């Protein structure tokens, strides 16, 4: 003998009416009845845009190797016309860009003015114009 639940239509109607009274008629409406082709297209467009955003964000957080250094793709600048704030020369290599991000100077300025004296540089010291 298998058990079959007894369908009590009156009880279901009373529960549905109580829910509608408390939360409004929208709480008991079948969501499918409010859905149409226009809403479907809008939903699919939003889903595609969200997927593109997530893909772009994931792509930006990828770590890549460039000239033997592992760097986040997000840190890679697209512009090749960046200047060193210390010597005013344009950045030529990837190594220069890495040092620009961390120390605000190119690699050659790093080796000349910063290496071994990082604390002094971080405290705000910069070489005089005549020393450059």
Protein backbone atom coordinates (compact mmCIF):
# COMPACT_ATOMS: atom_id res chain seq x y z
CA UNK A 1 0.00 0.00 0.00
CA UNK A 2 1.49 3.34 -1.04
CA UNK A 3 0.74 6.58 0.71
CA UNK A 4 -0.79 9.36 -1.43
CA UNK A 5 -1.18 12.83 0.01
CA UNK A 6 -4.72 14.04 0.13
CA UNK A 7 -5.19 17.24 -1.84
CA UNK A 8 -7.25 19.66 0.12
CA UNK A 9 -8.10 22.45 -2.31
CA UNK A 10 -9.93 24.48 0.33
CA UNK A 11 -6.89 24.46 2.63
CA UNK A 12 -4.56 25.49 -0.20
CA UNK A 13 -6.94 28.32 -1.11
CA UNK A 14 -7.06 29.56 2.50
CA UNK A 15 -3.25 29.54 2.80
CA UNK A 16 -2.90 31.35 -0.52
CA UNK A 17 -5.46 33.96 0.54
CA UNK A 18 -3.70 34.49 3.89
CA UNK A 19 -0.36 34.97 2.12
CA UNK A 20 -1.94 37.41 -0.35
CA UNK A 21 -3.53 39.38 2.50
CA UNK A 22 -0.29 39.59 4.44
CA UNK A 23 2.27 40.10 1.63
CA UNK A 24 0.19 41.27 -1.35
CA UNK A 25 -1.20 39.60 -4.43
CA UNK A 26 2.26 39.47 -6.08
CA UNK A 27 3.39 36.91 -3.49
CA UNK A 28 0.99 34.25 -4.79
CA UNK A 29 1.21 34.92 -8.53
CA UNK A 30 3.06 32.40 -10.64
CA UNK A 31 6.27 34.18 -11.79
CA UNK A 32 6.00 32.56 -15.22
CA UNK A 33 2.79 34.49 -15.88
CA UNK A 34 4.70 37.81 -15.60
CA UNK A 35 7.54 36.74 -17.92
CA UNK A 36 7.55 37.60 -21.63
CA UNK A 37 9.97 37.65 -24.58
CA UNK A 38 11.13 41.21 -23.85
CA UNK A 39 12.04 40.35 -20.25
CA UNK A 40 13.83 37.22 -21.48
CA UNK A 41 15.97 39.26 -23.89
CA UNK A 42 16.74 41.82 -21.17
CA UNK A 43 17.72 39.05 -18.75
CA UNK A 44 20.00 37.36 -21.29
CA UNK A 45 21.70 40.70 -22.08
CA UNK A 46 22.31 41.37 -18.38
CA UNK A 47 23.67 37.84 -17.91
CA UNK A 48 26.06 38.34 -20.86
CA UNK A 49 27.27 41.71 -19.48
CA UNK A 50 27.87 40.20 -16.04
CA UNK A 51 29.80 37.30 -17.55
CA UNK A 52 31.98 39.74 -19.51
CA UNK A 53 32.69 41.76 -16.35
CA UNK A 54 33.67 38.63 -14.44
CA UNK A 55 35.88 37.44 -17.29
CA UNK A 56 37.59 40.85 -17.51
CA UNK A 57 38.15 40.94 -13.74
CA UNK A 58 39.59 37.41 -13.81
CA UNK A 59 41.82 38.36 -16.73
CA UNK A 60 43.12 41.45 -14.88
CA UNK A 61 44.10 39.41 -11.84
CA UNK A 62 46.13 36.91 -13.86
CA UNK A 63 49.85 36.81 -13.09
CA UNK A 64 52.17 36.86 -16.07
CA UNK A 65 55.92 36.52 -16.47
CA UNK A 66 57.59 39.44 -18.20
CA UNK A 67 61.39 39.55 -18.58
CA UNK A 68 61.81 37.03 -15.75
CA UNK A 69 59.55 38.90 -13.30
CA UNK A 70 56.07 37.72 -12.25
CA UNK A 71 53.63 40.64 -12.23
CA UNK A 72 49.86 40.98 -12.11
CA UNK A 73 48.41 41.81 -15.52
CA UNK A 74 46.54 44.67 -13.86
CA UNK A 75 49.84 46.43 -13.15
CA UNK A 76 50.93 46.34 -16.77
CA UNK A 77 50.34 49.72 -18.33
CA UNK A 78 49.26 50.00 -21.92
CA UNK A 79 51.02 53.31 -22.46
CA UNK A 80 54.67 53.25 -23.52
CA UNK A 81 55.20 56.98 -22.98
CA UNK A 82 55.86 57.07 -19.23
CA UNK A 83 58.58 59.21 -17.71
CA UNK A 84 60.82 58.60 -14.73
CA UNK A 85 60.09 61.31 -12.14
CA UNK A 86 63.75 61.45 -11.11
CA UNK A 87 65.67 61.66 -14.40
CA UNK A 88 62.73 62.60 -16.70
CA UNK A 89 63.68 59.90 -19.23
CA UNK A 90 61.03 57.82 -20.95
CA UNK A 91 60.59 54.23 -19.83
CA UNK A 92 62.12 51.89 -22.34
CA UNK A 93 61.95 48.43 -20.80
CA UNK A 94 59.54 46.41 -18.77
CA UNK A 95 62.01 46.46 -15.87
CA UNK A 96 61.79 50.26 -15.83
CA UNK A 97 58.00 50.05 -15.56
CA UNK A 98 58.20 47.65 -12.63
CA UNK A 99 60.51 50.00 -10.75
CA UNK A 100 58.30 52.95 -11.69
CA UNK A 101 55.31 51.26 -10.07
CA UNK A 102 57.17 50.43 -6.87
CA UNK A 103 59.66 53.30 -6.49
CA UNK A 104 58.47 56.08 -8.86
CA UNK A 105 61.75 55.85 -10.75
CA UNK A 106 63.37 53.86 -13.56
CA UNK A 107 65.75 50.97 -12.98
CA UNK A 108 68.89 53.05 -13.53
CA UNK A 109 67.73 55.70 -11.00
CA UNK A 110 66.89 52.91 -8.59
CA UNK A 111 70.42 51.51 -8.77
CA UNK A 112 71.95 55.00 -8.58
CA UNK A 113 69.82 56.67 -5.88
CA UNK A 114 67.63 54.12 -4.07
CA UNK A 115 69.30 50.71 -3.81
CA UNK A 116 70.63 50.24 -0.28
CA UNK A 117 68.96 53.50 0.84
CA UNK A 118 65.30 52.53 0.54
CA UNK A 119 64.31 54.02 3.91
CA UNK A 120 65.71 57.41 2.95
CA UNK A 121 63.82 57.32 -0.37
CA UNK A 122 60.56 56.29 1.30
CA UNK A 123 60.91 59.14 3.81
CA UNK A 124 60.78 61.61 0.91
CA UNK A 125 64.41 62.30 0.00
CA UNK A 126 65.08 63.01 -3.68
CA UNK A 127 68.36 63.97 -5.41
CA UNK A 128 68.98 67.64 -6.18
CA UNK A 129 68.68 68.80 -9.81
CA UNK A 130 72.44 69.46 -10.10
CA UNK A 131 73.22 65.93 -8.84
CA UNK A 132 71.11 64.35 -11.57
